[in-house]
Amino acid sequence: MSYSSFTIATCALVDPDRCTKKFGYCRRRCFKDEKQIDICLSPNKICCTESSFDED
């Protein structure tokens, strides 16, 4: 399998609305008060959401 077909197959498995369904935002980097919760459809972005302050 070539690299391009692997990339296409991998991207096809990602739901484009998955991040927003989890109330997240696709960004290149999460802000200091956010944490990564998922990946995004765009290859250079990750899904970030606000961190809750009661987590340790």
N, C-alpha and C. Protein backbone atom coordinates (compact mmCIF):
# COMPACT_ATOMS: atom_id res chain seq x y z
N MET A 1 0.85 -1.18 0.00
CA MET A 1 0.00 0.00 0.00
C MET A 1 0.89 1.24 0.00
N SER A 2 0.57 2.18 -0.83
CA SER A 2 1.37 3.40 -0.90
C SER A 2 0.96 4.36 0.21
N TYR A 3 1.82 5.34 0.46
CA TYR A 3 1.57 6.33 1.50
C TYR A 3 0.29 7.11 1.23
N SER A 4 0.07 7.52 -0.02
CA SER A 4 -1.11 8.33 -0.33
C SER A 4 -2.41 7.55 -0.12
N SER A 5 -2.43 6.29 -0.46
CA SER A 5 -3.66 5.52 -0.24
C SER A 5 -3.89 5.28 1.24
N PHE A 6 -2.82 5.14 2.02
CA PHE A 6 -2.96 5.01 3.47
C PHE A 6 -3.54 6.29 4.06
N THR A 7 -3.03 7.44 3.61
CA THR A 7 -3.51 8.73 4.11
C THR A 7 -4.98 8.92 3.78
N ILE A 8 -5.38 8.60 2.57
CA ILE A 8 -6.78 8.74 2.16
C ILE A 8 -7.66 7.80 2.98
N ALA A 9 -7.22 6.59 3.19
CA ALA A 9 -8.00 5.63 3.98
C ALA A 9 -8.12 6.10 5.42
N THR A 10 -7.06 6.65 5.97
CA THR A 10 -7.08 7.13 7.35
C THR A 10 -8.02 8.32 7.48
N CYS A 11 -7.95 9.26 6.57
CA CYS A 11 -8.79 10.45 6.63
C CYS A 11 -10.26 10.10 6.43
N ALA A 12 -10.54 9.09 5.66
CA ALA A 12 -11.92 8.71 5.41
C ALA A 12 -12.60 8.19 6.68
N LEU A 13 -11.82 7.72 7.64
CA LEU A 13 -12.37 7.19 8.88
C LEU A 13 -12.74 8.28 9.88
N VAL A 14 -12.26 9.50 9.67
CA VAL A 14 -12.51 10.59 10.60
C VAL A 14 -13.80 11.31 10.22
N ASP A 15 -14.73 11.38 11.16
CA ASP A 15 -15.97 12.11 10.96
C ASP A 15 -15.66 13.60 11.00
N PRO A 16 -15.98 14.35 9.93
CA PRO A 16 -15.63 15.77 9.90
C PRO A 16 -16.30 16.60 11.00
N ASP A 17 -17.40 16.13 11.55
CA ASP A 17 -18.09 16.86 12.61
C ASP A 17 -17.81 16.30 14.00
N ARG A 18 -16.91 15.35 14.09
CA ARG A 18 -16.66 14.69 15.37
C ARG A 18 -16.17 15.66 16.44
N CYS A 19 -15.29 16.57 16.06
CA CYS A 19 -14.75 17.53 17.02
C CYS A 19 -15.84 18.47 17.52
N THR A 20 -16.64 19.02 16.62
CA THR A 20 -17.69 19.95 17.04
C THR A 20 -18.78 19.25 17.83
N LYS A 21 -19.01 17.97 17.57
CA LYS A 21 -19.99 17.21 18.36
C LYS A 21 -19.53 17.07 19.80
N LYS A 22 -18.22 17.10 20.01
CA LYS A 22 -17.66 17.03 21.37
C LYS A 22 -17.42 18.43 21.94
N PHE A 23 -18.00 19.44 21.30
CA PHE A 23 -17.85 20.84 21.71
C PHE A 23 -16.40 21.30 21.70
N GLY A 24 -15.66 20.83 20.70
CA GLY A 24 -14.26 21.20 20.55
C GLY A 24 -14.04 22.11 19.36
N TYR A 25 -12.80 22.54 19.21
CA TYR A 25 -12.41 23.42 18.11
C TYR A 25 -11.15 22.87 17.46
N CYS A 26 -11.10 22.85 16.14
CA CYS A 26 -9.92 22.40 15.42
C CYS A 26 -8.90 23.53 15.36
N ARG A 27 -7.72 23.28 15.89
CA ARG A 27 -6.65 24.28 15.92
C ARG A 27 -5.32 23.59 15.63
N ARG A 28 -4.32 24.39 15.27
CA ARG A 28 -2.97 23.85 15.11
C ARG A 28 -2.37 23.49 16.47
N ARG A 29 -2.66 24.30 17.47
CA ARG A 29 -2.18 24.06 18.84
C ARG A 29 -3.28 24.47 19.81
N CYS A 30 -3.43 23.73 20.88
CA CYS A 30 -4.41 24.09 21.89
C CYS A 30 -3.90 25.27 22.71
N PHE A 31 -4.82 26.11 23.18
CA PHE A 31 -4.45 27.20 24.08
C PHE A 31 -4.03 26.62 25.43
N LYS A 32 -3.43 27.45 26.28
CA LYS A 32 -2.94 26.98 27.58
C LYS A 32 -4.06 26.42 28.46
N ASP A 33 -5.25 26.97 28.33
CA ASP A 33 -6.38 26.51 29.16
C ASP A 33 -7.23 25.44 28.46
N GLU A 34 -6.69 24.85 27.39
CA GLU A 34 -7.39 23.80 26.66
C GLU A 34 -6.59 22.50 26.67
N LYS A 35 -7.26 21.41 26.34
CA LYS A 35 -6.58 20.13 26.20
C LYS A 35 -7.02 19.48 24.90
N GLN A 36 -6.15 18.62 24.36
CA GLN A 36 -6.47 17.89 23.13
C GLN A 36 -7.39 16.73 23.46
N ILE A 37 -8.49 16.62 22.70
CA ILE A 37 -9.42 15.52 22.94
C ILE A 37 -9.56 14.59 21.75
N ASP A 38 -9.11 15.03 20.57
CA ASP A 38 -9.31 14.23 19.36
C ASP A 38 -8.44 14.78 18.24
N ILE A 39 -8.55 14.17 17.06
CA ILE A 39 -7.89 14.70 15.87
C ILE A 39 -8.96 15.33 14.99
N CYS A 40 -8.53 16.13 14.04
CA CYS A 40 -9.45 16.79 13.11
C CYS A 40 -9.26 16.25 11.70
N LEU A 41 -10.19 16.57 10.84
CA LEU A 41 -10.12 16.14 9.45
C LEU A 41 -8.89 16.72 8.77
N SER A 42 -8.55 17.95 9.10
CA SER A 42 -7.35 18.59 8.55
C SER A 42 -6.12 17.93 9.16
N PRO A 43 -5.15 17.53 8.35
CA PRO A 43 -4.01 16.76 8.87
C PRO A 43 -3.11 17.51 9.85
N ASN A 44 -3.12 18.83 9.83
CA ASN A 44 -2.24 19.60 10.71
C ASN A 44 -2.95 20.17 11.92
N LYS A 45 -4.18 19.74 12.17
CA LYS A 45 -4.93 20.31 13.28
C LYS A 45 -5.39 19.24 14.25
N ILE A 46 -5.58 19.66 15.50
CA ILE A 46 -6.07 18.77 16.55
C ILE A 46 -7.33 19.38 17.14
N CYS A 47 -8.13 18.56 17.77
CA CYS A 47 -9.37 19.01 18.38
C CYS A 47 -9.10 19.38 19.83
N CYS A 48 -9.40 20.62 20.18
CA CYS A 48 -9.14 21.12 21.53
C CYS A 48 -10.46 21.51 22.19
N THR A 49 -10.49 21.36 23.51
CA THR A 49 -11.65 21.80 24.28
C THR A 49 -11.15 22.40 25.58
N GLU A 50 -11.98 23.21 26.21
CA GLU A 50 -11.59 23.84 27.46
C GLU A 50 -11.34 22.78 28.51
N SER A 51 -10.26 22.95 29.26
CA SER A 51 -9.97 22.05 30.37
C SER A 51 -10.83 22.45 31.55
N SER A 52 -11.38 21.47 32.24
CA SER A 52 -12.12 21.80 33.45
C SER A 52 -11.11 21.95 34.58
N PHE A 53 -11.34 22.91 35.43
CA PHE A 53 -10.36 23.23 36.47
C PHE A 53 -10.37 22.24 37.62
N ASP A 54 -11.37 21.38 37.72
CA ASP A 54 -11.41 20.41 38.80
C ASP A 54 -10.64 19.14 38.48
N GLU A 55 -10.01 19.06 37.32
CA GLU A 55 -9.17 17.91 36.97
C GLU A 55 -7.76 18.11 37.51
N ASP A 56 -7.14 17.05 37.95
CA ASP A 56 -5.74 17.14 38.41
C ASP A 56 -4.85 16.31 37.54
